[in-house]
Amino acid sequence: MLFTALITFLVAFGYNLLLAIHLYREKVSNLLHEEYLNKKEIEYTLGISEMWSTRYFYTFSSFKGEVVKMYHRIIFNGLQFILMIVHASMPES
């Protein structure tokens, strides 16, 4: 049983570590998103491109990315792990 729990912990820890590394490398940021939307809006305003209306860019132009929102899955998994540790350490009644 202990061996299975250890393997499960290592897999879960590895998954969260790889997820954090992937998010860090991708460097998702508000600035890149806002610059992209501004360029598309200018193209639409000048009549250069119709992508704004044909691909519905206006539906997601209010995106607000934050660190907590980008890493929410890792934070959530960490909180679940803490709850699991607390529950496991409780005495049996």
PDB file of N, CA and C in Angstrom:
ATOM      1  N   MET A   1       0.831  -1.195   0.000  1.00  0.00           N
ATOM      2  CA  MET A   1       0.000   0.000   0.000  1.00  0.00           C
ATOM      3  C   MET A   1       0.871   1.252   0.000  1.00  0.00           C
ATOM      4  N   LEU A   2       1.931   1.236   0.792  1.00  0.00           N
ATOM      5  CA  LEU A   2       2.830   2.385   0.866  1.00  0.00           C
ATOM      6  C   LEU A   2       3.521   2.618  -0.476  1.00  0.00           C
ATOM      7  N   PHE A   3       3.903   1.532  -1.140  1.00  0.00           N
ATOM      8  CA  PHE A   3       4.553   1.643  -2.445  1.00  0.00           C
ATOM      9  C   PHE A   3       3.620   2.286  -3.469  1.00  0.00           C
ATOM     10  N   THR A   4       2.366   1.873  -3.480  1.00  0.00           N
ATOM     11  CA  THR A   4       1.373   2.445  -4.392  1.00  0.00           C
ATOM     12  C   THR A   4       1.152   3.923  -4.106  1.00  0.00           C
ATOM     13  N   ALA A   5       1.092   4.287  -2.831  1.00  0.00           N
ATOM     14  CA  ALA A   5       0.917   5.693  -2.460  1.00  0.00           C
ATOM     15  C   ALA A   5       2.122   6.516  -2.897  1.00  0.00           C
ATOM     16  N   LEU A   6       3.322   5.958  -2.750  1.00  0.00           N
ATOM     17  CA  LEU A   6       4.537   6.667  -3.161  1.00  0.00           C
ATOM     18  C   LEU A   6       4.564   6.875  -4.668  1.00  0.00           C
ATOM     19  N   ILE A   7       4.211   5.867  -5.423  1.00  0.00           N
ATOM     20  CA  ILE A   7       4.166   5.992  -6.892  1.00  0.00           C
ATOM     21  C   ILE A   7       3.136   7.034  -7.296  1.00  0.00           C
ATOM     22  N   THR A   8       1.968   7.003  -6.674  1.00  0.00           N
ATOM     23  CA  THR A   8       0.918   7.985  -6.975  1.00  0.00           C
ATOM     24  C   THR A   8       1.392   9.394  -6.665  1.00  0.00           C
ATOM     25  N   PHE A   9       2.055   9.574  -5.534  1.00  0.00           N
ATOM     26  CA  PHE A   9       2.583  10.889  -5.170  1.00  0.00           C
ATOM     27  C   PHE A   9       3.606  11.360  -6.191  1.00  0.00           C
ATOM     28  N   LEU A  10       4.518  10.493  -6.601  1.00  0.00           N
ATOM     29  CA  LEU A  10       5.548  10.887  -7.569  1.00  0.00           C
ATOM     30  C   LEU A  10       4.943  11.254  -8.922  1.00  0.00           C
ATOM     31  N   VAL A  11       3.946  10.503  -9.356  1.00  0.00           N
ATOM     32  CA  VAL A  11       3.286  10.817 -10.627  1.00  0.00           C
ATOM     33  C   VAL A  11       2.564  12.166 -10.530  1.00  0.00           C
ATOM     34  N   ALA A  12       1.840  12.383  -9.436  1.00  0.00           N
ATOM     35  CA  ALA A  12       1.116  13.654  -9.264  1.00  0.00           C
ATOM     36  C   ALA A  12       2.081  14.828  -9.161  1.00  0.00           C
ATOM     37  N   PHE A  13       3.170  14.645  -8.407  1.00  0.00           N
ATOM     38  CA  PHE A  13       4.155  15.717  -8.274  1.00  0.00           C
ATOM     39  C   PHE A  13       4.816  16.013  -9.622  1.00  0.00           C
ATOM     40  N   GLY A  14       5.161  14.957 -10.362  1.00  0.00           N
ATOM     41  CA  GLY A  14       5.764  15.144 -11.685  1.00  0.00           C
ATOM     42  C   GLY A  14       4.834  15.846 -12.652  1.00  0.00           C
ATOM     43  N   TYR A  15       3.555  15.492 -12.607  1.00  0.00           N
ATOM     44  CA  TYR A  15       2.561  16.135 -13.475  1.00  0.00           C
ATOM     45  C   TYR A  15       2.479  17.635 -13.186  1.00  0.00           C
ATOM     46  N   ASN A  16       2.377  17.993 -11.907  1.00  0.00           N
ATOM     47  CA  ASN A  16       2.279  19.405 -11.550  1.00  0.00           C
ATOM     48  C   ASN A  16       3.562  20.151 -11.874  1.00  0.00           C
ATOM     49  N   LEU A  17       4.706  19.511 -11.711  1.00  0.00           N
ATOM     50  CA  LEU A  17       5.980  20.142 -12.041  1.00  0.00           C
ATOM     51  C   LEU A  17       6.075  20.397 -13.541  1.00  0.00           C
ATOM     52  N   LEU A  18       5.716  19.410 -14.347  1.00  0.00           N
ATOM     53  CA  LEU A  18       5.746  19.592 -15.803  1.00  0.00           C
ATOM     54  C   LEU A  18       4.744  20.656 -16.253  1.00  0.00           C
ATOM     55  N   LEU A  19       3.588  20.701 -15.623  1.00  0.00           N
ATOM     56  CA  LEU A  19       2.593  21.727 -15.946  1.00  0.00           C
ATOM     57  C   LEU A  19       3.118  23.125 -15.630  1.00  0.00           C
ATOM     58  N   ALA A  20       3.760  23.282 -14.482  1.00  0.00           N
ATOM     59  CA  ALA A  20       4.332  24.581 -14.106  1.00  0.00           C
ATOM     60  C   ALA A  20       5.448  24.990 -15.066  1.00  0.00           C
ATOM     61  N   ILE A  21       6.300  24.047 -15.439  1.00  0.00           N
ATOM     62  CA  ILE A  21       7.389  24.353 -16.379  1.00  0.00           C
ATOM     63  C   ILE A  21       6.818  24.758 -17.731  1.00  0.00           C
ATOM     64  N   HIS A  22       5.800  24.048 -18.201  1.00  0.00           N
ATOM     65  CA  HIS A  22       5.180  24.387 -19.483  1.00  0.00           C
ATOM     66  C   HIS A  22       4.597  25.798 -19.463  1.00  0.00           C
ATOM     67  N   LEU A  23       3.866  26.131 -18.400  1.00  0.00           N
ATOM     68  CA  LEU A  23       3.278  27.470 -18.304  1.00  0.00           C
ATOM     69  C   LEU A  23       4.363  28.539 -18.239  1.00  0.00           C
ATOM     70  N   TYR A  24       5.435  28.270 -17.513  1.00  0.00           N
ATOM     71  CA  TYR A  24       6.517  29.252 -17.392  1.00  0.00           C
ATOM     72  C   TYR A  24       7.209  29.461 -18.738  1.00  0.00           C
ATOM     73  N   ARG A  25       7.424  28.389 -19.473  1.00  0.00           N
ATOM     74  CA  ARG A  25       8.099  28.512 -20.780  1.00  0.00           C
ATOM     75  C   ARG A  25       7.230  29.220 -21.806  1.00  0.00           C
ATOM     76  N   GLU A  26       5.934  28.986 -21.754  1.00  0.00           N
ATOM     77  CA  GLU A  26       5.033  29.624 -22.714  1.00  0.00           C
ATOM     78  C   GLU A  26       4.923  31.120 -22.458  1.00  0.00           C
ATOM     79  N   LYS A  27       5.110  31.533 -21.208  1.00  0.00           N
ATOM     80  CA  LYS A  27       5.076  32.945 -20.824  1.00  0.00           C
ATOM     81  C   LYS A  27       3.809  33.639 -21.318  1.00  0.00           C
ATOM     82  N   VAL A  28       2.683  33.078 -20.956  1.00  0.00           N
ATOM     83  CA  VAL A  28       1.402  33.693 -21.287  1.00  0.00           C
ATOM     84  C   VAL A  28       1.309  35.002 -20.518  1.00  0.00           C
ATOM     85  N   SER A  29       1.014  36.080 -21.195  1.00  0.00           N
ATOM     86  CA  SER A  29       0.958  37.363 -20.508  1.00  0.00           C
ATOM     87  C   SER A  29      -0.152  38.237 -21.074  1.00  0.00           C
ATOM     88  N   ASN A  30      -0.547  39.196 -20.268  1.00  0.00           N
ATOM     89  CA  ASN A  30      -1.561  40.166 -20.709  1.00  0.00           C
ATOM     90  C   ASN A  30      -1.046  41.032 -21.840  1.00  0.00           C
ATOM     91  N   LEU A  31       0.217  41.429 -21.763  1.00  0.00           N
ATOM     92  CA  LEU A  31       0.760  42.357 -22.744  1.00  0.00           C
ATOM     93  C   LEU A  31       0.729  41.774 -24.151  1.00  0.00           C
ATOM     94  N   LEU A  32       1.136  40.518 -24.304  1.00  0.00           N
ATOM     95  CA  LEU A  32       1.114  39.903 -25.630  1.00  0.00           C
ATOM     96  C   LEU A  32      -0.313  39.803 -26.157  1.00  0.00           C
ATOM     97  N   HIS A  33      -1.237  39.445 -25.303  1.00  0.00           N
ATOM     98  CA  HIS A  33      -2.633  39.321 -25.716  1.00  0.00           C
ATOM     99  C   HIS A  33      -3.206  40.675 -26.125  1.00  0.00           C
ATOM    100  N   GLU A  34      -2.949  41.693 -25.317  1.00  0.00           N
ATOM    101  CA  GLU A  34      -3.465  43.035 -25.618  1.00  0.00           C
ATOM    102  C   GLU A  34      -2.861  43.584 -26.909  1.00  0.00           C
ATOM    103  N   GLU A  35      -1.559  43.366 -27.126  1.00  0.00           N
ATOM    104  CA  GLU A  35      -0.919  43.833 -28.360  1.00  0.00           C
ATOM    105  C   GLU A  35      -1.548  43.157 -29.580  1.00  0.00           C
ATOM    106  N   TYR A  36      -1.776  41.874 -29.483  1.00  0.00           N
ATOM    107  CA  TYR A  36      -2.378  41.131 -30.592  1.00  0.00           C
ATOM    108  C   TYR A  36      -3.780  41.656 -30.904  1.00  0.00           C
ATOM    109  N   LEU A  37      -4.582  41.867 -29.859  1.00  0.00           N
ATOM    110  CA  LEU A  37      -5.932  42.384 -30.085  1.00  0.00           C
ATOM    111  C   LEU A  37      -5.915  43.794 -30.648  1.00  0.00           C
ATOM    112  N   ASN A  38      -4.991  44.626 -30.178  1.00  0.00           N
ATOM    113  CA  ASN A  38      -4.893  45.991 -30.719  1.00  0.00           C
ATOM    114  C   ASN A  38      -4.544  45.958 -32.202  1.00  0.00           C
ATOM    115  N   LYS A  39      -3.621  45.086 -32.597  1.00  0.00           N
ATOM    116  CA  LYS A  39      -3.259  44.974 -34.015  1.00  0.00           C
ATOM    117  C   LYS A  39      -4.443  44.528 -34.850  1.00  0.00           C
ATOM    118  N   LYS A  40      -5.198  43.555 -34.365  1.00  0.00           N
ATOM    119  CA  LYS A  40      -6.363  43.071 -35.110  1.00  0.00           C
ATOM    120  C   LYS A  40      -7.452  44.138 -35.191  1.00  0.00           C
ATOM    121  N   GLU A  41      -7.629  44.891 -34.112  1.00  0.00           N
ATOM    122  CA  GLU A  41      -8.633  45.954 -34.126  1.00  0.00           C
ATOM    123  C   GLU A  41      -8.246  47.052 -35.115  1.00  0.00           C
ATOM    124  N   ILE A  42      -6.974  47.399 -35.180  1.00  0.00           N
ATOM    125  CA  ILE A  42      -6.505  48.405 -36.143  1.00  0.00           C
ATOM    126  C   ILE A  42      -6.701  47.905 -37.566  1.00  0.00           C
ATOM    127  N   GLU A  43      -6.378  46.629 -37.799  1.00  0.00           N
ATOM    128  CA  GLU A  43      -6.604  46.055 -39.129  1.00  0.00           C
ATOM    129  C   GLU A  43      -8.076  46.152 -39.519  1.00  0.00           C
ATOM    130  N   TYR A  44      -8.956  45.858 -38.591  1.00  0.00           N
ATOM    131  CA  TYR A  44     -10.389  45.922 -38.874  1.00  0.00           C
ATOM    132  C   TYR A  44     -10.842  47.359 -39.120  1.00  0.00           C
ATOM    133  N   THR A  45     -10.342  48.280 -38.294  1.00  0.00           N
ATOM    134  CA  THR A  45     -10.718  49.690 -38.440  1.00  0.00           C
ATOM    135  C   THR A  45     -10.267  50.252 -39.778  1.00  0.00           C
ATOM    136  N   LEU A  46      -9.066  49.884 -40.215  1.00  0.00           N
ATOM    137  CA  LEU A  46      -8.539  50.375 -41.487  1.00  0.00           C
ATOM    138  C   LEU A  46      -9.084  49.613 -42.689  1.00  0.00           C
ATOM    139  N   GLY A  47      -9.815  48.561 -42.443  1.00  0.00           N
ATOM    140  CA  GLY A  47     -10.390  47.783 -43.543  1.00  0.00           C
ATOM    141  C   GLY A  47      -9.402  46.820 -44.168  1.00  0.00           C
ATOM    142  N   ILE A  48      -8.294  46.568 -43.512  1.00  0.00           N
ATOM    143  CA  ILE A  48      -7.278  45.662 -44.055  1.00  0.00           C
ATOM    144  C   ILE A  48      -7.717  44.211 -43.918  1.00  0.00           C
ATOM    145  N   SER A  49      -8.397  43.892 -42.826  1.00  0.00           N
ATOM    146  CA  SER A  49      -8.766  42.523 -42.555  1.00  0.00           C
ATOM    147  C   SER A  49     -10.177  42.473 -41.963  1.00  0.00           C
ATOM    148  N   GLU A  50     -10.883  41.420 -42.287  1.00  0.00           N
ATOM    149  CA  GLU A  50     -12.226  41.210 -41.742  1.00  0.00           C
ATOM    150  C   GLU A  50     -12.227  40.164 -40.632  1.00  0.00           C
ATOM    151  N   MET A  51     -11.058  39.767 -40.162  1.00  0.00           N
ATOM    152  CA  MET A  51     -10.967  38.706 -39.160  1.00  0.00           C
ATOM    153  C   MET A  51     -11.672  39.071 -37.867  1.00  0.00           C
ATOM    154  N   TRP A  52     -11.736  40.362 -37.555  1.00  0.00           N
ATOM    155  CA  TRP A  52     -12.357  40.775 -36.289  1.00  0.00           C
ATOM    156  C   TRP A  52     -13.816  40.320 -36.231  1.00  0.00           C
ATOM    157  N   SER A  53     -14.508  40.506 -37.334  1.00  0.00           N
ATOM    158  CA  SER A  53     -15.926  40.126 -37.338  1.00  0.00           C
ATOM    159  C   SER A  53     -16.145  38.671 -37.740  1.00  0.00           C
ATOM    160  N   THR A  54     -15.310  38.125 -38.631  1.00  0.00           N
ATOM    161  CA  THR A  54     -15.536  36.755 -39.089  1.00  0.00           C
ATOM    162  C   THR A  54     -15.072  35.713 -38.082  1.00  0.00           C
ATOM    163  N   ARG A  55     -14.077  36.020 -37.271  1.00  0.00           N
ATOM    164  CA  ARG A  55     -13.593  35.056 -36.280  1.00  0.00           C
ATOM    165  C   ARG A  55     -14.009  35.440 -34.862  1.00  0.00           C
ATOM    166  N   TYR A  56     -14.859  36.430 -34.737  1.00  0.00           N
ATOM    167  CA  TYR A  56     -15.446  36.824 -33.457  1.00  0.00           C
ATOM    168  C   TYR A  56     -14.396  37.181 -32.395  1.00  0.00           C
ATOM    169  N   PHE A  57     -13.418  37.999 -32.771  1.00  0.00           N
ATOM    170  CA  PHE A  57     -12.395  38.433 -31.819  1.00  0.00           C
ATOM    171  C   PHE A  57     -13.000  39.237 -30.672  1.00  0.00           C
ATOM    172  N   TYR A  58     -14.079  39.930 -30.929  1.00  0.00           N
ATOM    173  CA  TYR A  58     -14.680  40.765 -29.882  1.00  0.00           C
ATOM    174  C   TYR A  58     -15.228  39.935 -28.730  1.00  0.00           C
ATOM    175  N   THR A  59     -15.434  38.645 -28.930  1.00  0.00           N
ATOM    176  CA  THR A  59     -15.994  37.828 -27.849  1.00  0.00           C
ATOM    177  C   THR A  59     -14.984  37.514 -26.756  1.00  0.00           C
ATOM    178  N   PHE A  60     -13.681  37.602 -27.063  1.00  0.00           N
ATOM    179  CA  PHE A  60     -12.682  37.328 -26.030  1.00  0.00           C
ATOM    180  C   PHE A  60     -11.694  38.472 -25.852  1.00  0.00           C
ATOM    181  N   SER A  61     -12.060  39.656 -26.282  1.00  0.00           N
ATOM    182  CA  SER A  61     -11.143  40.791 -26.189  1.00  0.00           C
ATOM    183  C   SER A  61     -11.007  41.328 -24.772  1.00  0.00           C
ATOM    184  N   SER A  62     -11.836  40.860 -23.852  1.00  0.00           N
ATOM    185  CA  SER A  62     -11.754  41.344 -22.477  1.00  0.00           C
ATOM    186  C   SER A  62     -10.988  40.376 -21.579  1.00  0.00           C
ATOM    187  N   PHE A  63     -10.121  39.572 -22.161  1.00  0.00           N
ATOM    188  CA  PHE A  63      -9.326  38.606 -21.410  1.00  0.00           C
ATOM    189  C   PHE A  63      -8.455  39.318 -20.382  1.00  0.00           C
ATOM    190  N   LYS A  64      -8.482  38.828 -19.156  1.00  0.00           N
ATOM    191  CA  LYS A  64      -7.634  39.365 -18.087  1.00  0.00           C
ATOM    192  C   LYS A  64      -6.877  38.207 -17.459  1.00  0.00           C
ATOM    193  N   GLY A  65      -5.652  38.033 -17.840  1.00  0.00           N
ATOM    194  CA  GLY A  65      -4.853  36.938 -17.288  1.00  0.00           C
ATOM    195  C   GLY A  65      -4.099  37.398 -16.058  1.00  0.00           C
ATOM    196  N   GLU A  66      -4.056  36.578 -15.071  1.00  0.00           N
ATOM    197  CA  GLU A  66      -3.308  36.862 -13.852  1.00  0.00           C
ATOM    198  C   GLU A  66      -2.531  35.613 -13.487  1.00  0.00           C
ATOM    199  N   VAL A  67      -1.562  35.770 -12.608  1.00  0.00           N
ATOM    200  CA  VAL A  67      -0.752  34.634 -12.191  1.00  0.00           C
ATOM    201  C   VAL A  67      -1.625  33.561 -11.564  1.00  0.00           C
ATOM    202  N   VAL A  68      -2.552  33.962 -10.707  1.00  0.00           N
ATOM    203  CA  VAL A  68      -3.416  32.985 -10.042  1.00  0.00           C
ATOM    204  C   VAL A  68      -4.271  32.244 -11.069  1.00  0.00           C
ATOM    205  N   LYS A  69      -4.763  32.940 -12.081  1.00  0.00           N
ATOM    206  CA  LYS A  69      -5.591  32.294 -13.089  1.00  0.00           C
ATOM    207  C   LYS A  69      -4.774  31.367 -13.986  1.00  0.00           C
ATOM    208  N   MET A  70      -3.528  31.743 -14.265  1.00  0.00           N
ATOM    209  CA  MET A  70      -2.699  30.907 -15.115  1.00  0.00           C
ATOM    210  C   MET A  70      -2.268  29.639 -14.393  1.00  0.00           C
ATOM    211  N   TYR A  71      -1.995  29.742 -13.113  1.00  0.00           N
ATOM    212  CA  TYR A  71      -1.496  28.607 -12.347  1.00  0.00           C
ATOM    213  C   TYR A  71      -2.570  28.004 -11.440  1.00  0.00           C
ATOM    214  N   HIS A  72      -3.834  28.208 -11.760  1.00  0.00           N
ATOM    215  CA  HIS A  72      -4.902  27.754 -10.868  1.00  0.00           C
ATOM    216  C   HIS A  72      -4.912  26.241 -10.688  1.00  0.00           C
ATOM    217  N   ARG A  73      -4.613  25.483 -11.715  1.00  0.00           N
ATOM    218  CA  ARG A  73      -4.637  24.022 -11.593  1.00  0.00           C
ATOM    219  C   ARG A  73      -3.537  23.540 -10.646  1.00  0.00           C
ATOM    220  N   ILE A  74      -2.356  24.121 -10.735  1.00  0.00           N
ATOM    221  CA  ILE A  74      -1.256  23.728  -9.857  1.00  0.00           C
ATOM    222  C   ILE A  74      -1.575  24.104  -8.415  1.00  0.00           C
ATOM    223  N   ILE A  75      -2.124  25.290  -8.212  1.00  0.00           N
ATOM    224  CA  ILE A  75      -2.498  25.732  -6.866  1.00  0.00           C
ATOM    225  C   ILE A  75      -3.601  24.826  -6.305  1.00  0.00           C
ATOM    226  N   PHE A  76      -4.592  24.526  -7.129  1.00  0.00           N
ATOM    227  CA  PHE A  76      -5.691  23.658  -6.696  1.00  0.00           C
ATOM    228  C   PHE A  76      -5.183  22.270  -6.316  1.00  0.00           C
ATOM    229  N   ASN A  77      -4.302  21.708  -7.147  1.00  0.00           N
ATOM    230  CA  ASN A  77      -3.738  20.392  -6.835  1.00  0.00           C
ATOM    231  C   ASN A  77      -2.918  20.432  -5.554  1.00  0.00           C
ATOM    232  N   GLY A  78      -2.189  21.511  -5.314  1.00  0.00           N
ATOM    233  CA  GLY A  78      -1.427  21.657  -4.081  1.00  0.00           C
ATOM    234  C   GLY A  78      -2.326  21.706  -2.859  1.00  0.00           C
ATOM    235  N   LEU A  79      -3.431  22.429  -2.973  1.00  0.00           N
ATOM    236  CA  LEU A  79      -4.381  22.496  -1.858  1.00  0.00           C
ATOM    237  C   LEU A  79      -5.022  21.133  -1.593  1.00  0.00           C
ATOM    238  N   GLN A  80      -5.319  20.408  -2.656  1.00  0.00           N
ATOM    239  CA  GLN A  80      -5.857  19.063  -2.474  1.00  0.00           C
ATOM    240  C   GLN A  80      -4.846  18.160  -1.769  1.00  0.00           C
ATOM    241  N   PHE A  81      -3.592  18.299  -2.130  1.00  0.00           N
ATOM    242  CA  PHE A  81      -2.546  17.492  -1.502  1.00  0.00           C
ATOM    243  C   PHE A  81      -2.445  17.819  -0.013  1.00  0.00           C
ATOM    244  N   ILE A  82      -2.521  19.103   0.329  1.00  0.00           N
ATOM    245  CA  ILE A  82      -2.469  19.501   1.743  1.00  0.00           C
ATOM    246  C   ILE A  82      -3.659  18.924   2.504  1.00  0.00           C
ATOM    247  N   LEU A  83      -4.854  18.984   1.909  1.00  0.00           N
ATOM    248  CA  LEU A  83      -6.031  18.393   2.556  1.00  0.00           C
ATOM    249  C   LEU A  83      -5.883  16.880   2.731  1.00  0.00           C
ATOM    250  N   MET A  84      -5.270  16.224   1.747  1.00  0.00           N
ATOM    251  CA  MET A  84      -5.059  14.791   1.856  1.00  0.00           C
ATOM    252  C   MET A  84      -4.093  14.467   3.006  1.00  0.00           C
ATOM    253  N   ILE A  85      -3.037  15.267   3.151  1.00  0.00           N
ATOM    254  CA  ILE A  85      -2.069  15.063   4.231  1.00  0.00           C
ATOM    255  C   ILE A  85      -2.761  15.275   5.599  1.00  0.00           C
ATOM    256  N   VAL A  86      -3.557  16.335   5.709  1.00  0.00           N
ATOM    257  CA  VAL A  86      -4.271  16.615   6.949  1.00  0.00           C
ATOM    258  C   VAL A  86      -5.223  15.466   7.291  1.00  0.00           C
ATOM    259  N   HIS A  87      -5.937  14.998   6.292  1.00  0.00           N
ATOM    260  CA  HIS A  87      -6.880  13.900   6.522  1.00  0.00           C
ATOM    261  C   HIS A  87      -6.150  12.612   6.921  1.00  0.00           C
ATOM    262  N   ALA A  88      -5.028  12.334   6.270  1.00  0.00           N
ATOM    263  CA  ALA A  88      -4.260  11.129   6.585  1.00  0.00           C
ATOM    264  C   ALA A  88      -3.649  11.188   7.975  1.00  0.00           C
ATOM    265  N   SER A  89      -3.352  12.386   8.451  1.00  0.00           N
ATOM    266  CA  SER A  89      -2.712  12.523   9.763  1.00  0.00           C
ATOM    267  C   SER A  89      -3.718  12.561  10.926  1.00  0.00           C
ATOM    268  N   MET A  90      -5.001  12.577  10.607  1.00  0.00           N
ATOM    269  CA  MET A  90      -6.024  12.589  11.667  1.00  0.00           C
ATOM    270  C   MET A  90      -6.078  11.214  12.336  1.00  0.00           C
ATOM    271  N   PRO A  91      -6.244  11.197  13.642  1.00  0.00           N
ATOM    272  CA  PRO A  91      -6.343   9.900  14.333  1.00  0.00           C
ATOM    273  C   PRO A  91      -7.669   9.222  14.000  1.00  0.00           C
ATOM    274  N   GLU A  92      -7.630   7.911  13.998  1.00  0.00           N
ATOM    275  CA  GLU A  92      -8.864   7.150  13.743  1.00  0.00           C
ATOM    276  C   GLU A  92      -9.777   7.257  14.959  1.00  0.00           C
ATOM    277  N   SER A  93     -11.063   7.301  14.691  1.00  0.00           N
ATOM    278  CA  SER A  93     -11.990   7.394  15.832  1.00  0.00           C
ATOM    279  C   SER A  93     -12.748   6.118  16.056  1.00  0.00           C
TER     280      SER A  93
END
